C-alpha atoms as a PDB file:
ATOM      1  CA  MET A   1      -1.655 -23.790  -9.251  1.00  0.00           C
ATOM      2  CA  ASP A   2       0.541 -23.296  -6.176  1.00  0.00           C
ATOM      3  CA  GLU A   3      -0.698 -22.567  -2.649  1.00  0.00           C
ATOM      4  CA  ILE A   4      -0.127 -18.791  -2.827  1.00  0.00           C
ATOM      5  CA  GLU A   5      -2.073 -18.494  -6.080  1.00  0.00           C
ATOM      6  CA  ARG A   6      -4.938 -20.530  -4.595  1.00  0.00           C
ATOM      7  CA  VAL A   7      -5.032 -18.221  -1.549  1.00  0.00           C
ATOM      8  CA  LYS A   8      -5.132 -15.163  -3.836  1.00  0.00           C
ATOM      9  CA  GLU A   9      -7.918 -16.702  -5.897  1.00  0.00           C
ATOM     10  CA  VAL A  10      -9.997 -17.419  -2.774  1.00  0.00           C
ATOM     11  CA  LEU A  11      -9.481 -13.993  -1.153  1.00  0.00           C
ATOM     12  CA  ARG A  12      -9.303 -11.390  -3.932  1.00  0.00           C
ATOM     13  CA  ALA A  13     -13.028 -10.992  -4.759  1.00  0.00           C
ATOM     14  CA  PRO A  14     -14.393 -11.109  -1.169  1.00  0.00           C
ATOM     15  CA  LEU A  15     -11.815  -8.543  -0.051  1.00  0.00           C
ATOM     16  CA  GLU A  16     -12.680  -6.236  -2.963  1.00  0.00           C
ATOM     17  CA  GLN A  17     -16.382  -6.545  -2.110  1.00  0.00           C
ATOM     18  CA  ALA A  18     -15.528  -5.489   1.459  1.00  0.00           C
ATOM     19  CA  GLY A  19     -13.602  -2.437   0.194  1.00  0.00           C
ATOM     20  CA  TYR A  20     -10.042  -3.761   0.443  1.00  0.00           C
ATOM     21  CA  GLU A  21      -7.357  -4.652  -2.052  1.00  0.00           C
ATOM     22  CA  LEU A  22      -5.322  -7.831  -1.699  1.00  0.00           C
ATOM     23  CA  ALA A  23      -1.850  -6.265  -1.830  1.00  0.00           C
ATOM     24  CA  ASP A  24       0.315  -9.335  -1.257  1.00  0.00           C
ATOM     25  CA  VAL A  25       0.351 -12.893   0.062  1.00  0.00           C
ATOM     26  CA  SER A  26       3.380 -14.815   1.260  1.00  0.00           C
ATOM     27  CA  LEU A  27       4.148 -17.986   3.144  1.00  0.00           C
ATOM     28  CA  SER A  28       7.095 -18.303   5.505  1.00  0.00           C
ATOM     29  CA  ARG A  29       8.451 -21.041   7.697  1.00  0.00           C
ATOM     30  CA  ASP A  30      10.411 -20.582  10.914  1.00  0.00           C
ATOM     31  CA  LYS A  31      11.063 -22.588  14.070  1.00  0.00           C
ATOM     32  CA  ASN A  32       7.424 -22.075  15.139  1.00  0.00           C
ATOM     33  CA  GLY A  33       5.979 -23.438  11.899  1.00  0.00           C
ATOM     34  CA  LEU A  34       4.283 -22.013   8.837  1.00  0.00           C
ATOM     35  CA  THR A  35       2.818 -18.490   8.656  1.00  0.00           C
ATOM     36  CA  LEU A  36       0.517 -17.188   5.935  1.00  0.00           C
ATOM     37  CA  HIS A  37       0.985 -13.421   5.578  1.00  0.00           C
ATOM     38  CA  VAL A  38      -1.907 -11.543   3.969  1.00  0.00           C
ATOM     39  CA  PHE A  39      -1.380  -7.836   3.251  1.00  0.00           C
ATOM     40  CA  VAL A  40      -4.401  -5.659   2.519  1.00  0.00           C
ATOM     41  CA  ASP A  41      -4.671  -2.081   1.337  1.00  0.00           C
ATOM     42  CA  ARG A  42      -7.162   0.662   0.530  1.00  0.00           C
ATOM     43  CA  ASP A  43      -6.977   4.373  -0.168  1.00  0.00           C
ATOM     44  CA  VAL A  44      -7.953   5.411   3.380  1.00  0.00           C
ATOM     45  CA  PRO A  45      -5.908   4.375   6.433  1.00  0.00           C
ATOM     46  CA  ILE A  46      -6.456   0.899   7.842  1.00  0.00           C
ATOM     47  CA  SER A  47      -7.068   0.601  11.587  1.00  0.00           C
ATOM     48  CA  LEU A  48      -6.634  -2.334  13.935  1.00  0.00           C
ATOM     49  CA  ASP A  49     -10.427  -2.783  13.826  1.00  0.00           C
ATOM     50  CA  ASP A  50     -10.157  -3.115  10.050  1.00  0.00           C
ATOM     51  CA  ILE A  51      -7.507  -5.829  10.440  1.00  0.00           C
ATOM     52  CA  VAL A  52      -9.834  -7.714  12.803  1.00  0.00           C
ATOM     53  CA  GLU A  53     -12.691  -7.312  10.285  1.00  0.00           C
ATOM     54  CA  VAL A  54     -10.510  -8.662   7.465  1.00  0.00           C
ATOM     55  CA  SER A  55      -9.304 -11.566   9.629  1.00  0.00           C
ATOM     56  CA  ASN A  56     -12.889 -12.480  10.496  1.00  0.00           C
ATOM     57  CA  LEU A  57     -13.827 -12.290   6.814  1.00  0.00           C
ATOM     58  CA  ILE A  58     -11.009 -14.431   5.428  1.00  0.00           C
ATOM     59  CA  ASN A  59     -10.636 -17.052   8.188  1.00  0.00           C
ATOM     60  CA  PRO A  60     -13.761 -19.034   7.224  1.00  0.00           C
ATOM     61  CA  LEU A  61     -12.951 -18.654   3.510  1.00  0.00           C
ATOM     62  CA  LEU A  62      -9.516 -20.174   4.030  1.00  0.00           C
ATOM     63  CA  ASP A  63     -10.927 -22.914   6.271  1.00  0.00           C
ATOM     64  CA  GLN A  64     -13.488 -23.853   3.623  1.00  0.00           C
ATOM     65  CA  ALA A  65     -11.132 -23.719   0.616  1.00  0.00           C
ATOM     66  CA  ASP A  66      -8.209 -25.309   2.524  1.00  0.00           C
ATOM     67  CA  PRO A  67      -5.584 -24.017   0.027  1.00  0.00           C
ATOM     68  CA  ILE A  68      -2.611 -24.903   2.251  1.00  0.00           C
ATOM     69  CA  SER A  69      -2.140 -28.517   3.231  1.00  0.00           C
ATOM     70  CA  ASP A  70       0.017 -27.953   6.333  1.00  0.00           C
ATOM     71  CA  PRO A  71      -1.158 -26.205   9.532  1.00  0.00           C
ATOM     72  CA  TYR A  72      -0.337 -22.491   9.540  1.00  0.00           C
ATOM     73  CA  LEU A  73      -0.740 -19.279  11.492  1.00  0.00           C
ATOM     74  CA  LEU A  74      -2.634 -16.469   9.732  1.00  0.00           C
ATOM     75  CA  ASP A  75      -1.038 -13.000   9.887  1.00  0.00           C
ATOM     76  CA  VAL A  76      -3.158 -10.183   8.423  1.00  0.00           C
ATOM     77  CA  SER A  77      -1.672  -6.701   8.146  1.00  0.00           C
ATOM     78  CA  SER A  78      -1.711  -3.507   6.117  1.00  0.00           C
ATOM     79  CA  LEU A  79       1.124  -2.120   4.036  1.00  0.00           C
ATOM     80  CA  GLY A  80       1.855   0.321   6.854  1.00  0.00           C
ATOM     81  CA  SER A  81       2.080   4.062   7.307  1.00  0.00           C
ATOM     82  CA  GLU A  82       4.688   4.439   4.542  1.00  0.00           C
ATOM     83  CA  LYS A  83       2.971   2.231   2.007  1.00  0.00           C
ATOM     84  CA  PRO A  84       3.926   2.445  -1.661  1.00  0.00           C
ATOM     85  CA  LEU A  85       1.395   4.284  -3.811  1.00  0.00           C
ATOM     86  CA  HIS A  86       0.063   3.291  -7.209  1.00  0.00           C
ATOM     87  CA  LEU A  87       1.152   6.071  -9.546  1.00  0.00           C
ATOM     88  CA  ASP A  88      -2.112   5.860 -11.479  1.00  0.00           C
ATOM     89  CA  ARG A  89      -4.065   6.588  -8.267  1.00  0.00           C
ATOM     90  CA  LEU A  90      -2.132   9.560  -6.881  1.00  0.00           C
ATOM     91  CA  GLU A  91      -5.259  11.740  -6.923  1.00  0.00           C
ATOM     92  CA  HIS A  92      -6.583   9.631  -4.012  1.00  0.00           C
ATOM     93  CA  TYR A  93      -3.761  10.965  -1.832  1.00  0.00           C
ATOM     94  CA  VAL A  94      -4.204  14.724  -2.267  1.00  0.00           C
ATOM     95  CA  HIS A  95      -3.501  16.489   1.072  1.00  0.00           C
ATOM     96  CA  GLN A  96      -1.338  13.567   2.210  1.00  0.00           C
ATOM     97  CA  TYR A  97       2.377  13.848   2.974  1.00  0.00           C
ATOM     98  CA  VAL A  98       4.277  11.834   0.350  1.00  0.00           C
ATOM     99  CA  ASN A  99       7.767  10.873  -0.761  1.00  0.00           C
ATOM    100  CA  VAL A 100       8.378  10.798  -4.512  1.00  0.00           C
ATOM    101  CA  HIS A 101      11.348   9.463  -6.437  1.00  0.00           C
ATOM    102  CA  LEU A 102      12.073  11.255  -9.708  1.00  0.00           C
ATOM    103  CA  THR A 103      13.684   9.933 -12.878  1.00  0.00           C
ATOM    104  CA  HIS A 104      14.779  13.490 -13.763  1.00  0.00           C
ATOM    105  CA  PRO A 105      16.048  15.491 -10.764  1.00  0.00           C
ATOM    106  CA  TYR A 106      14.311  18.663  -9.614  1.00  0.00           C
ATOM    107  CA  GLN A 107      16.998  21.234  -8.743  1.00  0.00           C
ATOM    108  CA  GLY A 108      19.494  18.417  -8.237  1.00  0.00           C
ATOM    109  CA  GLU A 109      17.209  16.272  -6.029  1.00  0.00           C
ATOM    110  CA  ASN A 110      15.871  12.855  -7.027  1.00  0.00           C
ATOM    111  CA  ILE A 111      13.765  12.450  -3.875  1.00  0.00           C
ATOM    112  CA  LEU A 112      11.264  15.014  -2.632  1.00  0.00           C
ATOM    113  CA  GLU A 113       8.895  14.939   0.341  1.00  0.00           C
ATOM    114  CA  GLY A 114       5.936  17.220   0.799  1.00  0.00           C
ATOM    115  CA  GLU A 115       2.183  17.576   0.870  1.00  0.00           C
ATOM    116  CA  LEU A 116       0.524  16.435  -2.330  1.00  0.00           C
ATOM    117  CA  THR A 117      -1.705  19.412  -3.158  1.00  0.00           C
ATOM    118  CA  ASP A 118      -2.822  18.760  -6.732  1.00  0.00           C
ATOM    119  CA  VAL A 119      -2.765  16.014  -9.341  1.00  0.00           C
ATOM    120  CA  THR A 120      -3.639  16.362 -13.009  1.00  0.00           C
ATOM    121  CA  PRO A 121      -3.119  13.865 -15.833  1.00  0.00           C
ATOM    122  CA  GLU A 122       0.191  15.605 -16.671  1.00  0.00           C
ATOM    123  CA  THR A 123       1.453  17.122 -13.395  1.00  0.00           C
ATOM    124  CA  VAL A 124       1.765  16.647  -9.661  1.00  0.00           C
ATOM    125  CA  THR A 125       2.040  19.585  -7.274  1.00  0.00           C
ATOM    126  CA  LEU A 126       3.897  19.228  -3.974  1.00  0.00           C
ATOM    127  CA  LEU A 127       4.089  21.733  -1.153  1.00  0.00           C
ATOM    128  CA  LEU A 128       7.671  21.470   0.107  1.00  0.00           C
ATOM    129  CA  THR A 129       8.985  22.875   3.374  1.00  0.00           C
ATOM    130  CA  ILE A 130      12.581  24.021   3.042  1.00  0.00           C
ATOM    131  CA  LYS A 131      13.863  25.193   6.410  1.00  0.00           C
ATOM    132  CA  THR A 132      10.922  27.380   7.487  1.00  0.00           C
ATOM    133  CA  ARG A 133       9.647  28.345   4.050  1.00  0.00           C
ATOM    134  CA  LYS A 134       6.956  26.589   2.075  1.00  0.00           C
ATOM    135  CA  ARG A 135       7.247  26.344  -1.680  1.00  0.00           C
ATOM    136  CA  SER A 136       4.879  24.795  -4.183  1.00  0.00           C
ATOM    137  CA  VAL A 137       6.530  22.853  -7.005  1.00  0.00           C
ATOM    138  CA  VAL A 138       4.870  21.409 -10.085  1.00  0.00           C
ATOM    139  CA  LEU A 139       6.458  18.216 -11.382  1.00  0.00           C
ATOM    140  CA  PRO A 140       5.772  16.334 -14.603  1.00  0.00           C
ATOM    141  CA  ARG A 141       3.859  13.222 -13.614  1.00  0.00           C
ATOM    142  CA  ALA A 142       5.947  11.193 -16.085  1.00  0.00           C
ATOM    143  CA  ASP A 143       9.086  12.042 -14.059  1.00  0.00           C
ATOM    144  CA  ILE A 144       7.790  10.171 -10.980  1.00  0.00           C
ATOM    145  CA  ASP A 145       8.783   6.526 -10.979  1.00  0.00           C
ATOM    146  CA  LYS A 146       7.947   5.694  -7.315  1.00  0.00           C
ATOM    147  CA  ALA A 147       5.836   7.240  -4.593  1.00  0.00           C
ATOM    148  CA  ARG A 148       4.912   6.316  -1.051  1.00  0.00           C
ATOM    149  CA  LEU A 149       3.224   7.859   1.931  1.00  0.00           C
ATOM    150  CA  ALA A 150       5.703   9.496   4.298  1.00  0.00           C
ATOM    151  CA  ILE A 151       5.724  10.421   7.964  1.00  0.00           C
ATOM    152  CA  ARG A 152       6.105  14.123   8.665  1.00  0.00           C
ATOM    153  CA  PHE A 153       8.487  14.959  11.514  1.00  0.00           C
END
């Protein structure tokens, strides 16, 4: 088992018990040395206090398990304000502003951004703002191949 897999094995269950998902782990080397990047996620936004909480949780676990033989710097972060969404969990993001990529265009558009107002097993409803008008569109859920949170300007 390589170092990244050992880190994942050590962290996954404790993070889940604390209400987080281990989204990704990577190891990079630059002129300053080795950095272990740990990305966490959850359905509600992650604050800086949450990052501190996660760091305090995983630091002793990594020290005890010692999955990486060389010295490293630990970098804990979230997926960010435009994080990718799991398509099977879209209902957790109702009333959020999202960007969806479609496999079958809607009125010639493959990418739509709007407020996610409803999710059913078969459909997703977005409230789009076109110029100054708002329009609700119902899309087949099967037509969405990617989704992420978006920033509304």
